[in-house]
Amino acid sequence: AIIFSRSTMCWYRQAPGKQRELVATITSGGTANYEDSVKGRFTISRDN
């Protein structure tokens, strides 16, 4: 809870031989952003 509260949460992914990639973020207020390749397919959410 001490790191979750008021924190933006992120999902990254890293495939072998590839650079780590930011996939999605969600702010403490619930605003989500996505990497272009996953838009429309992935949904980030949070349960505070």
All heavy atoms as atom14 arrays in JSON, in Angstrom:
{
  "sequence": "AIIFSRSTMCWYRQAPGKQRELVATITSGGTANYEDSVKGRFTISRDN",
  "atom14_mask": [
    [1, 1, 1, 1, 1, 0, 0, 0, 0, 0, 0, 0, 0, 0],
    [1, 1, 1, 1, 1, 1, 1, 1, 0, 0, 0, 0, 0, 0],
    [1, 1, 1, 1, 1, 1, 1, 1, 0, 0, 0, 0, 0, 0],
    [1, 1, 1, 1, 1, 1, 1, 1, 1, 1, 1, 0, 0, 0],
    [1, 1, 1, 1, 1, 1, 0, 0, 0, 0, 0, 0, 0, 0],
    [1, 1, 1, 1, 1, 1, 1, 1, 1, 1, 1, 0, 0, 0],
    [1, 1, 1, 1, 1, 1, 0, 0, 0, 0, 0, 0, 0, 0],
    [1, 1, 1, 1, 1, 1, 1, 0, 0, 0, 0, 0, 0, 0],
    [1, 1, 1, 1, 1, 1, 1, 1, 0, 0, 0, 0, 0, 0],
    [1, 1, 1, 1, 1, 1, 0, 0, 0, 0, 0, 0, 0, 0],
    [1, 1, 1, 1, 1, 1, 1, 1, 1, 1, 1, 1, 1, 1],
    [1, 1, 1, 1, 1, 1, 1, 1, 1, 1, 1, 1, 0, 0],
    [1, 1, 1, 1, 1, 1, 1, 1, 1, 1, 1, 0, 0, 0],
    [1, 1, 1, 1, 1, 1, 1, 1, 1, 0, 0, 0, 0, 0],
    [1, 1, 1, 1, 1, 0, 0, 0, 0, 0, 0, 0, 0, 0],
    [1, 1, 1, 1, 1, 1, 1, 0, 0, 0, 0, 0, 0, 0],
    [1, 1, 1, 1, 0, 0, 0, 0, 0, 0, 0, 0, 0, 0],
    [1, 1, 1, 1, 1, 1, 1, 1, 1, 0, 0, 0, 0, 0],
    [1, 1, 1, 1, 1, 1, 1, 1, 1, 0, 0, 0, 0, 0],
    [1, 1, 1, 1, 1, 1, 1, 1, 1, 1, 1, 0, 0, 0],
    [1, 1, 1, 1, 1, 1, 1, 1, 1, 0, 0, 0, 0, 0],
    [1, 1, 1, 1, 1, 1, 1, 1, 0, 0, 0, 0, 0, 0],
    [1, 1, 1, 1, 1, 1, 1, 0, 0, 0, 0, 0, 0, 0],
    [1, 1, 1, 1, 1, 0, 0, 0, 0, 0, 0, 0, 0, 0],
    [1, 1, 1, 1, 1, 1, 1, 0, 0, 0, 0, 0, 0, 0],
    [1, 1, 1, 1, 1, 1, 1, 1, 0, 0, 0, 0, 0, 0],
    [1, 1, 1, 1, 1, 1, 1, 0, 0, 0, 0, 0, 0, 0],
    [1, 1, 1, 1, 1, 1, 0, 0, 0, 0, 0, 0, 0, 0],
    [1, 1, 1, 1, 0, 0, 0, 0, 0, 0, 0, 0, 0, 0],
    [1, 1, 1, 1, 0, 0, 0, 0, 0, 0, 0, 0, 0, 0],
    [1, 1, 1, 1, 1, 1, 1, 0, 0, 0, 0, 0, 0, 0],
    [1, 1, 1, 1, 1, 0, 0, 0, 0, 0, 0, 0, 0, 0],
    [1, 1, 1, 1, 1, 1, 1, 1, 0, 0, 0, 0, 0, 0],
    [1, 1, 1, 1, 1, 1, 1, 1, 1, 1, 1, 1, 0, 0],
    [1, 1, 1, 1, 1, 1, 1, 1, 1, 0, 0, 0, 0, 0],
    [1, 1, 1, 1, 1, 1, 1, 1, 0, 0, 0, 0, 0, 0],
    [1, 1, 1, 1, 1, 1, 0, 0, 0, 0, 0, 0, 0, 0],
    [1, 1, 1, 1, 1, 1, 1, 0, 0, 0, 0, 0, 0, 0],
    [1, 1, 1, 1, 1, 1, 1, 1, 1, 0, 0, 0, 0, 0],
    [1, 1, 1, 1, 0, 0, 0, 0, 0, 0, 0, 0, 0, 0],
    [1, 1, 1, 1, 1, 1, 1, 1, 1, 1, 1, 0, 0, 0],
    [1, 1, 1, 1, 1, 1, 1, 1, 1, 1, 1, 0, 0, 0],
    [1, 1, 1, 1, 1, 1, 1, 0, 0, 0, 0, 0, 0, 0],
    [1, 1, 1, 1, 1, 1, 1, 1, 0, 0, 0, 0, 0, 0],
    [1, 1, 1, 1, 1, 1, 0, 0, 0, 0, 0, 0, 0, 0],
    [1, 1, 1, 1, 1, 1, 1, 1, 1, 1, 1, 0, 0, 0],
    [1, 1, 1, 1, 1, 1, 1, 1, 0, 0, 0, 0, 0, 0],
    [1, 1, 1, 1, 1, 1, 1, 1, 0, 0, 0, 0, 0, 0]
  ],
  "atom14_positions": [
    [[0.81, -1.21, 0.0], [0.0, 0.0, 0.0], [0.85, 1.26, 0.0], [0.46, 2.27, -0.61], [-0.94, 0.0, 1.2], [0.0, 0.0, 0.0], [0.0, 0.0, 0.0], [0.0, 0.0, 0.0], [0.0, 0.0, 0.0], [0.0, 0.0, 0.0], [0.0, 0.0, 0.0], [0.0, 0.0, 0.0], [0.0, 0.0, 0.0], [0.0, 0.0, 0.0]],
    [[1.98, 1.23, 0.65], [2.78, 2.44, 0.77], [3.4, 2.85, -0.55], [3.73, 4.03, -0.73], [3.85, 2.31, 1.87], [4.84, 1.19, 1.56], [3.2, 2.1, 3.22], [6.01, 1.15, 2.53], [0.0, 0.0, 0.0], [0.0, 0.0, 0.0], [0.0, 0.0, 0.0], [0.0, 0.0, 0.0], [0.0, 0.0, 0.0], [0.0, 0.0, 0.0]],
    [[3.58, 1.93, -1.47], [4.08, 2.3, -2.78], [2.97, 2.38, -3.81], [3.14, 3.03, -4.84], [5.2, 1.36, -3.26], [4.72, -0.07, -3.44], [6.38, 1.41, -2.3], [5.75, -0.97, -4.07], [0.0, 0.0, 0.0], [0.0, 0.0, 0.0], [0.0, 0.0, 0.0], [0.0, 0.0, 0.0], [0.0, 0.0, 0.0], [0.0, 0.0, 0.0]],
    [[1.84, 1.75, -3.55], [0.73, 1.78, -4.49], [-0.02, 3.1, -4.41], [-0.37, 3.69, -5.45], [-0.22, 0.61, -4.24], [-1.29, 0.46, -5.28], [-1.05, -0.29, -6.42], [-2.52, 1.06, -5.12], [-2.03, -0.44, -7.38], [-3.51, 0.92, -6.08], [-3.26, 0.17, -7.22], [0.0, 0.0, 0.0], [0.0, 0.0, 0.0], [0.0, 0.0, 0.0]],
    [[-0.28, 3.54, -3.21], [-1.07, 4.75, -3.02], [-0.38, 5.94, -3.68], [0.82, 6.16, -3.5], [-1.27, 5.02, -1.54], [-1.98, 3.96, -0.92], [0.0, 0.0, 0.0], [0.0, 0.0, 0.0], [0.0, 0.0, 0.0], [0.0, 0.0, 0.0], [0.0, 0.0, 0.0], [0.0, 0.0, 0.0], [0.0, 0.0, 0.0], [0.0, 0.0, 0.0]],
    [[-1.14, 6.69, -4.43], [-0.69, 7.91, -5.08], [0.39, 7.67, -6.13], [1.01, 8.63, -6.59], [-0.2, 8.94, -4.06], [-1.23, 9.29, -2.98], [-2.43, 10.04, -3.56], [-2.04, 11.24, -4.29], [-1.8, 12.42, -3.73], [-1.94, 12.58, -2.42], [-1.45, 13.44, -4.49], [0.0, 0.0, 0.0], [0.0, 0.0, 0.0], [0.0, 0.0, 0.0]],
    [[0.6, 6.44, -6.51], [1.65, 6.11, -7.45], [1.09, 5.74, -8.8], [0.1, 5.03, -8.91], [2.51, 4.95, -6.93], [3.18, 5.3, -5.74], [0.0, 0.0, 0.0], [0.0, 0.0, 0.0], [0.0, 0.0, 0.0], [0.0, 0.0, 0.0], [0.0, 0.0, 0.0], [0.0, 0.0, 0.0], [0.0, 0.0, 0.0], [0.0, 0.0, 0.0]],
    [[1.76, 6.22, -9.83], [1.5, 5.7, -11.17], [2.05, 4.28, -11.27], [3.18, 4.01, -10.84], [2.14, 6.6, -12.23], [1.46, 7.86, -12.24], [2.06, 5.98, -13.61], [0.0, 0.0, 0.0], [0.0, 0.0, 0.0], [0.0, 0.0, 0.0], [0.0, 0.0, 0.0], [0.0, 0.0, 0.0], [0.0, 0.0, 0.0], [0.0, 0.0, 0.0]],
    [[1.25, 3.41, -11.81], [1.65, 2.03, -12.0], [1.85, 1.77, -13.48], [1.13, 2.31, -14.33], [0.6, 1.07, -11.44], [0.3, 1.27, -9.96], [1.72, 0.94, -8.9], [1.94, -0.83, -9.18], [0.0, 0.0, 0.0], [0.0, 0.0, 0.0], [0.0, 0.0, 0.0], [0.0, 0.0, 0.0], [0.0, 0.0, 0.0], [0.0, 0.0, 0.0]],
    [[2.82, 0.93, -13.78], [3.23, 0.71, -15.16], [3.4, -0.77, -15.43], [3.79, -1.54, -14.55], [4.57, 1.39, -15.45], [4.68, 3.12, -14.94], [0.0, 0.0, 0.0], [0.0, 0.0, 0.0], [0.0, 0.0, 0.0], [0.0, 0.0, 0.0], [0.0, 0.0, 0.0], [0.0, 0.0, 0.0], [0.0, 0.0, 0.0], [0.0, 0.0, 0.0]],
    [[3.13, -1.15, -16.66], [3.5, -2.45, -17.18], [4.52, -2.26, -18.29], [4.31, -1.48, -19.22], [2.29, -3.22, -17.72], [1.39, -3.77, -16.67], [0.21, -3.25, -16.24], [1.6, -4.97, -15.93], [-0.34, -4.05, -15.28], [0.49, -5.11, -15.06], [2.6, -5.94, -15.91], [0.37, -6.19, -14.18], [2.48, -7.01, -15.03], [1.36, -7.11, -14.18]],
    [[5.62, -2.98, -18.15], [6.64, -3.06, -19.18], [6.7, -4.48, -19.7], [6.21, -5.41, -19.08], [8.01, -2.7, -18.62], [8.24, -1.23, -18.32], [7.76, -0.65, -17.16], [8.98, -0.44, -19.19], [7.98, 0.68, -16.86], [9.22, 0.89, -18.9], [8.72, 1.44, -17.75], [8.96, 2.77, -17.46], [0.0, 0.0, 0.0], [0.0, 0.0, 0.0]],
    [[7.34, -4.64, -20.83], [7.64, -5.96, -21.32], [9.01, -5.98, -21.96], [9.48, -4.96, -22.47], [6.58, -6.47, -22.3], [6.49, -5.7, -23.6], [5.3, -6.21, -24.42], [5.17, -5.51, -25.68], [4.15, -5.65, -26.51], [3.16, -6.49, -26.21], [4.12, -4.97, -27.65], [0.0, 0.0, 0.0], [0.0, 0.0, 0.0], [0.0, 0.0, 0.0]],
    [[9.63, -7.13, -21.9], [10.93, -7.3, -22.5], [11.02, -8.68, -23.12], [10.88, -9.69, -22.42], [12.05, -7.11, -21.48], [13.43, -7.1, -22.1], [14.49, -6.54, -21.18], [14.33, -6.52, -19.96], [15.57, -6.06, -21.77], [0.0, 0.0, 0.0], [0.0, 0.0, 0.0], [0.0, 0.0, 0.0], [0.0, 0.0, 0.0], [0.0, 0.0, 0.0]],
    [[11.21, -8.69, -24.4], [11.41, -9.93, -25.14], [12.89, -10.19, -25.31], [13.7, -9.25, -25.32], [10.72, -9.86, -26.49], [0.0, 0.0, 0.0], [0.0, 0.0, 0.0], [0.0, 0.0, 0.0], [0.0, 0.0, 0.0], [0.0, 0.0, 0.0], [0.0, 0.0, 0.0], [0.0, 0.0, 0.0], [0.0, 0.0, 0.0], [0.0, 0.0, 0.0]],
    [[13.28, -11.44, -25.45], [14.7, -11.75, -25.65], [15.27, -11.0, -26.83], [14.7, -10.98, -27.92], [14.71, -13.26, -25.89], [13.48, -13.75, -25.19], [12.45, -12.66, -25.38], [0.0, 0.0, 0.0], [0.0, 0.0, 0.0], [0.0, 0.0, 0.0], [0.0, 0.0, 0.0], [0.0, 0.0, 0.0], [0.0, 0.0, 0.0], [0.0, 0.0, 0.0]],
    [[16.41, -10.36, -26.61], [17.07, -9.63, -27.66], [16.45, -8.29, -28.01], [16.89, -7.64, -28.96], [0.0, 0.0, 0.0], [0.0, 0.0, 0.0], [0.0, 0.0, 0.0], [0.0, 0.0, 0.0], [0.0, 0.0, 0.0], [0.0, 0.0, 0.0], [0.0, 0.0, 0.0], [0.0, 0.0, 0.0], [0.0, 0.0, 0.0], [0.0, 0.0, 0.0]],
    [[15.44, -7.88, -27.25], [14.77, -6.62, -27.53], [14.86, -5.69, -26.34], [15.06, -6.12, -25.2], [13.31, -6.84, -27.91], [13.11, -7.53, -29.25], [11.65, -7.53, -29.64], [11.45, -8.11, -31.02], [10.02, -8.08, -31.43], [0.0, 0.0, 0.0], [0.0, 0.0, 0.0], [0.0, 0.0, 0.0], [0.0, 0.0, 0.0], [0.0, 0.0, 0.0]],
    [[14.71, -4.43, -26.61], [14.72, -3.41, -25.58], [13.46, -3.49, -24.73], [12.38, -3.83, -25.22], [14.84, -2.03, -26.24], [15.11, -0.89, -25.29], [15.33, 0.41, -26.04], [15.24, 0.48, -27.26], [15.61, 1.47, -25.29], [0.0, 0.0, 0.0], [0.0, 0.0, 0.0], [0.0, 0.0, 0.0], [0.0, 0.0, 0.0], [0.0, 0.0, 0.0]],
    [[13.61, -3.2, -23.45], [12.45, -3.12, -22.59], [11.51, -2.03, -23.07], [11.94, -0.92, -23.41], [12.9, -2.86, -21.15], [11.77, -2.92, -20.13], [12.32, -2.72, -18.74], [12.91, -1.4, -18.59], [13.69, -1.04, -17.57], [13.98, -1.92, -16.61], [14.18, 0.18, -17.52], [0.0, 0.0, 0.0], [0.0, 0.0, 0.0], [0.0, 0.0, 0.0]],
    [[10.25, -2.32, -23.07], [9.25, -1.46, -23.67], [8.16, -1.15, -22.66], [7.62, -2.05, -22.01], [8.64, -2.16, -24.89], [7.52, -1.42, -25.59], [6.92, -2.22, -26.72], [6.76, -3.45, -26.56], [6.62, -1.63, -27.77], [0.0, 0.0, 0.0], [0.0, 0.0, 0.0], [0.0, 0.0, 0.0], [0.0, 0.0, 0.0], [0.0, 0.0, 0.0]],
    [[7.83, 0.11, -22.54], [6.7, 0.52, -21.71], [5.41, 0.21, -22.45], [5.19, 0.7, -23.56], [6.8, 2.0, -21.38], [5.66, 2.6, -20.55], [5.57, 1.94, -19.19], [5.85, 4.11, -20.41], [0.0, 0.0, 0.0], [0.0, 0.0, 0.0], [0.0, 0.0, 0.0], [0.0, 0.0, 0.0], [0.0, 0.0, 0.0], [0.0, 0.0, 0.0]],
    [[4.56, -0.58, -21.83], [3.33, -1.04, -22.46], [2.16, -0.15, -22.09], [1.37, 0.25, -22.94], [3.04, -2.5, -22.08], [1.7, -2.96, -22.63], [4.17, -3.4, -22.56], [0.0, 0.0, 0.0], [0.0, 0.0, 0.0], [0.0, 0.0, 0.0], [0.0, 0.0, 0.0], [0.0, 0.0, 0.0], [0.0, 0.0, 0.0], [0.0, 0.0, 0.0]],
    [[2.01, 0.13, -20.81], [0.86, 0.87, -20.34], [1.15, 1.48, -18.99], [1.95, 0.95, -18.21], [-0.38, -0.03, -20.23], [0.0, 0.0, 0.0], [0.0, 0.0, 0.0], [0.0, 0.0, 0.0], [0.0, 0.0, 0.0], [0.0, 0.0, 0.0], [0.0, 0.0, 0.0], [0.0, 0.0, 0.0], [0.0, 0.0, 0.0], [0.0, 0.0, 0.0]],
    [[0.51, 2.59, -18.71], [0.6, 3.23, -17.41], [-0.79, 3.62, -16.95], [-1.7, 3.82, -17.76], [1.48, 4.5, -17.44], [0.87, 5.49, -18.27], [2.88, 4.18, -17.95], [0.0, 0.0, 0.0], [0.0, 0.0, 0.0], [0.0, 0.0, 0.0], [0.0, 0.0, 0.0], [0.0, 0.0, 0.0], [0.0, 0.0, 0.0], [0.0, 0.0, 0.0]],
    [[-0.94, 3.73, -15.65], [-2.17, 4.24, -15.09], [-1.82, 5.08, -13.87], [-1.08, 4.65, -12.98], [-3.17, 3.11, -14.76], [-4.51, 3.69, -14.28], [-2.59, 2.12, -13.76], [-5.64, 2.66, -14.29], [0.0, 0.0, 0.0], [0.0, 0.0, 0.0], [0.0, 0.0, 0.0], [0.0, 0.0, 0.0], [0.0, 0.0, 0.0], [0.0, 0.0, 0.0]],
    [[-2.33, 6.28, -13.83], [-2.07, 7.17, -12.73], [-2.91, 6.79, -11.52], [-3.82, 5.96, -11.6], [-2.36, 8.62, -13.11], [-3.77, 8.79, -13.28], [-1.63, 9.01, -14.38], [0.0, 0.0, 0.0], [0.0, 0.0, 0.0], [0.0, 0.0, 0.0], [0.0, 0.0, 0.0], [0.0, 0.0, 0.0], [0.0, 0.0, 0.0], [0.0, 0.0, 0.0]],
    [[-2.6, 7.41, -10.4], [-3.38, 7.16, -9.21], [-4.84, 7.54, -9.39], [-5.71, 6.97, -8.73], [-2.78, 7.91, -8.02], [-2.78, 9.31, -8.25], [0.0, 0.0, 0.0], [0.0, 0.0, 0.0], [0.0, 0.0, 0.0], [0.0, 0.0, 0.0], [0.0, 0.0, 0.0], [0.0, 0.0, 0.0], [0.0, 0.0, 0.0], [0.0, 0.0, 0.0]],
    [[-5.1, 8.49, -10.28], [-6.46, 8.89, -10.57], [-7.16, 8.07, -11.63], [-8.33, 8.32, -11.92], [0.0, 0.0, 0.0], [0.0, 0.0, 0.0], [0.0, 0.0, 0.0], [0.0, 0.0, 0.0], [0.0, 0.0, 0.0], [0.0, 0.0, 0.0], [0.0, 0.0, 0.0], [0.0, 0.0, 0.0], [0.0, 0.0, 0.0], [0.0, 0.0, 0.0]],
    [[-6.46, 7.12, -12.22], [-7.07, 6.21, -13.17], [-6.88, 6.57, -14.63], [-7.51, 5.95, -15.49], [0.0, 0.0, 0.0], [0.0, 0.0, 0.0], [0.0, 0.0, 0.0], [0.0, 0.0, 0.0], [0.0, 0.0, 0.0], [0.0, 0.0, 0.0], [0.0, 0.0, 0.0], [0.0, 0.0, 0.0], [0.0, 0.0, 0.0], [0.0, 0.0, 0.0]],
    [[-6.04, 7.53, -14.93], [-5.78, 7.88, -16.32], [-4.79, 6.9, -16.92], [-3.69, 6.73, -16.41], [-5.23, 9.31, -16.42], [-6.2, 10.22, -15.89], [-4.95, 9.67, -17.87], [0.0, 0.0, 0.0], [0.0, 0.0, 0.0], [0.0, 0.0, 0.0], [0.0, 0.0, 0.0], [0.0, 0.0, 0.0], [0.0, 0.0, 0.0], [0.0, 0.0, 0.0]],
    [[-5.19, 6.28, -18.02], [-4.4, 5.24, -18.65], [-3.77, 5.73, -19.94], [-4.35, 6.55, -20.66], [-5.25, 4.02, -18.93], [0.0, 0.0, 0.0], [0.0, 0.0, 0.0], [0.0, 0.0, 0.0], [0.0, 0.0, 0.0], [0.0, 0.0, 0.0], [0.0, 0.0, 0.0], [0.0, 0.0, 0.0], [0.0, 0.0, 0.0], [0.0, 0.0, 0.0]],
    [[-2.59, 5.22, -20.21], [-1.91, 5.45, -21.47], [-1.31, 4.15, -21.95], [-0.93, 3.3, -21.14], [-0.82, 6.52, -21.32], [-1.39, 7.91, -21.19], [-1.78, 8.51, -22.18], [-1.43, 8.41, -19.97], [0.0, 0.0, 0.0], [0.0, 0.0, 0.0], [0.0, 0.0, 0.0], [0.0, 0.0, 0.0], [0.0, 0.0, 0.0], [0.0, 0.0, 0.0]],
    [[-1.19, 4.02, -23.27], [-0.76, 2.76, -23.88], [0.25, 2.99, -24.98], [0.21, 4.01, -25.68], [-1.95, 2.02, -24.48], [-3.03, 1.69, -23.49], [-4.11, 2.55, -23.3], [-2.98, 0.53, -22.74], [-5.09, 2.26, -22.38], [-3.96, 0.23, -21.82], [-5.02, 1.1, -21.65], [-6.0, 0.8, -20.74], [0.0, 0.0, 0.0], [0.0, 0.0, 0.0]],
    [[1.13, 2.03, -25.11], [2.0, 1.98, -26.27], [1.13, 1.69, -27.5], [0.14, 0.96, -27.42], [3.06, 0.91, -26.07], [4.24, 0.99, -27.02], [3.97, 0.28, -28.32], [3.25, -0.74, -28.32], [4.49, 0.74, -29.35], [0.0, 0.0, 0.0], [0.0, 0.0, 0.0], [0.0, 0.0, 0.0], [0.0, 0.0, 0.0], [0.0, 0.0, 0.0]],
    [[1.51, 2.25, -28.62], [0.65, 2.19, -29.8], [0.29, 0.77, -30.21], [-0.84, 0.5, -30.63], [1.31, 2.91, -30.98], [1.3, 4.41, -30.83], [0.53, 4.93, -30.01], [2.07, 5.07, -31.56], [0.0, 0.0, 0.0], [0.0, 0.0, 0.0], [0.0, 0.0, 0.0], [0.0, 0.0, 0.0], [0.0, 0.0, 0.0], [0.0, 0.0, 0.0]],
    [[1.23, -0.14, -30.09], [1.0, -1.48, -30.59], [-0.04, -2.26, -29.79], [-0.53, -3.29, -30.27], [2.31, -2.26, -30.63], [2.78, -2.55, -29.33], [0.0, 0.0, 0.0], [0.0, 0.0, 0.0], [0.0, 0.0, 0.0], [0.0, 0.0, 0.0], [0.0, 0.0, 0.0], [0.0, 0.0, 0.0], [0.0, 0.0, 0.0], [0.0, 0.0, 0.0]],
    [[-0.37, -1.8, -28.6], [-1.35, -2.52, -27.78], [-2.66, -1.77, -27.63], [-3.6, -2.29, -27.01], [-0.78, -2.86, -26.38], [0.56, -3.57, -26.51], [-0.66, -1.63, -25.5], [0.0, 0.0, 0.0], [0.0, 0.0, 0.0], [0.0, 0.0, 0.0], [0.0, 0.0, 0.0], [0.0, 0.0, 0.0], [0.0, 0.0, 0.0], [0.0, 0.0, 0.0]],
    [[-2.74, -0.58, -28.17], [-3.97, 0.19, -28.07], [-5.13, -0.58, -28.68], [-5.03, -1.13, -29.77], [-3.81, 1.54, -28.76], [-2.96, 2.52, -27.99], [-2.85, 3.85, -28.73], [-2.0, 4.84, -27.96], [-1.81, 6.1, -28.71], [0.0, 0.0, 0.0], [0.0, 0.0, 0.0], [0.0, 0.0, 0.0], [0.0, 0.0, 0.0], [0.0, 0.0, 0.0]],
    [[-6.23, -0.59, -27.97], [-7.4, -1.32, -28.42], [-7.41, -2.78, -28.06], [-8.44, -3.44, -28.22], [0.0, 0.0, 0.0], [0.0, 0.0, 0.0], [0.0, 0.0, 0.0], [0.0, 0.0, 0.0], [0.0, 0.0, 0.0], [0.0, 0.0, 0.0], [0.0, 0.0, 0.0], [0.0, 0.0, 0.0], [0.0, 0.0, 0.0], [0.0, 0.0, 0.0]],
    [[-6.28, -3.31, -27.61], [-6.19, -4.71, -27.24], [-5.94, -4.91, -25.75], [-6.46, -5.86, -25.17], [-5.07, -5.4, -28.02], [-5.25, -5.35, -29.53], [-4.23, -6.23, -30.24], [-2.86, -5.79, -29.98], [-1.92, -6.54, -29.41], [-2.2, -7.78, -29.03], [-0.7, -6.07, -29.23], [0.0, 0.0, 0.0], [0.0, 0.0, 0.0], [0.0, 0.0, 0.0]],
    [[-5.15, -4.04, -25.16], [-4.81, -4.16, -23.74], [-5.53, -3.08, -22.95], [-5.73, -1.96, -23.44], [-3.31, -3.99, -23.52], [-2.44, -5.1, -24.04], [-2.94, -6.1, -24.86], [-1.1, -5.13, -23.7], [-2.12, -7.11, -25.34], [-0.27, -6.13, -24.17], [-0.78, -7.13, -24.98], [0.0, 0.0, 0.0], [0.0, 0.0, 0.0], [0.0, 0.0, 0.0]],
    [[-5.88, -3.41, -21.74], [-6.49, -2.45, -20.83], [-5.8, -2.54, -19.48], [-5.75, -3.61, -18.88], [-7.99, -2.71, -20.66], [-8.64, -2.66, -21.93], [-8.61, -1.66, -19.74], [0.0, 0.0, 0.0], [0.0, 0.0, 0.0], [0.0, 0.0, 0.0], [0.0, 0.0, 0.0], [0.0, 0.0, 0.0], [0.0, 0.0, 0.0], [0.0, 0.0, 0.0]],
    [[-5.29, -1.43, -19.03], [-4.71, -1.36, -17.7], [-5.76, -0.79, -16.75], [-6.52, 0.12, -17.11], [-3.42, -0.51, -17.68], [-2.71, -0.61, -16.33], [-3.69, 0.93, -18.07], [-1.32, 0.01, -16.33], [0.0, 0.0, 0.0], [0.0, 0.0, 0.0], [0.0, 0.0, 0.0], [0.0, 0.0, 0.0], [0.0, 0.0, 0.0], [0.0, 0.0, 0.0]],
    [[-5.82, -1.33, -15.57], [-6.77, -0.87, -14.57], [-6.15, -1.05, -13.19], [-5.13, -1.73, -13.04], [-8.11, -1.61, -14.67], [-7.94, -2.99, -14.44], [0.0, 0.0, 0.0], [0.0, 0.0, 0.0], [0.0, 0.0, 0.0], [0.0, 0.0, 0.0], [0.0, 0.0, 0.0], [0.0, 0.0, 0.0], [0.0, 0.0, 0.0], [0.0, 0.0, 0.0]],
    [[-6.77, -0.46, -12.21], [-6.27, -0.61, -10.85], [-7.42, -0.71, -9.89], [-8.49, -0.11, -10.09], [-5.32, 0.54, -10.46], [-5.96, 1.92, -10.43], [-4.9, 3.01, -10.36], [-4.14, 2.99, -9.12], [-2.91, 3.47, -8.97], [-2.27, 3.99, -10.01], [-2.3, 3.41, -7.78], [0.0, 0.0, 0.0], [0.0, 0.0, 0.0], [0.0, 0.0, 0.0]],
    [[-7.21, -1.47, -8.85], [-8.15, -1.62, -7.76], [-7.45, -1.09, -6.53], [-6.6, -1.76, -5.94], [-8.56, -3.08, -7.59], [-9.64, -3.28, -6.55], [-9.8, -2.42, -5.66], [-10.34, -4.3, -6.62], [0.0, 0.0, 0.0], [0.0, 0.0, 0.0], [0.0, 0.0, 0.0], [0.0, 0.0, 0.0], [0.0, 0.0, 0.0], [0.0, 0.0, 0.0]],
    [[-7.79, 0.12, -6.16], [-7.09, 0.76, -5.05], [-7.36, 0.07, -3.72], [-6.51, 0.1, -2.82], [-7.46, 2.23, -4.98], [-6.92, 3.02, -6.16], [-5.93, 2.64, -6.78], [-7.58, 4.12, -6.48], [0.0, 0.0, 0.0], [0.0, 0.0, 0.0], [0.0, 0.0, 0.0], [0.0, 0.0, 0.0], [0.0, 0.0, 0.0], [0.0, 0.0, 0.0]]
  ]
}
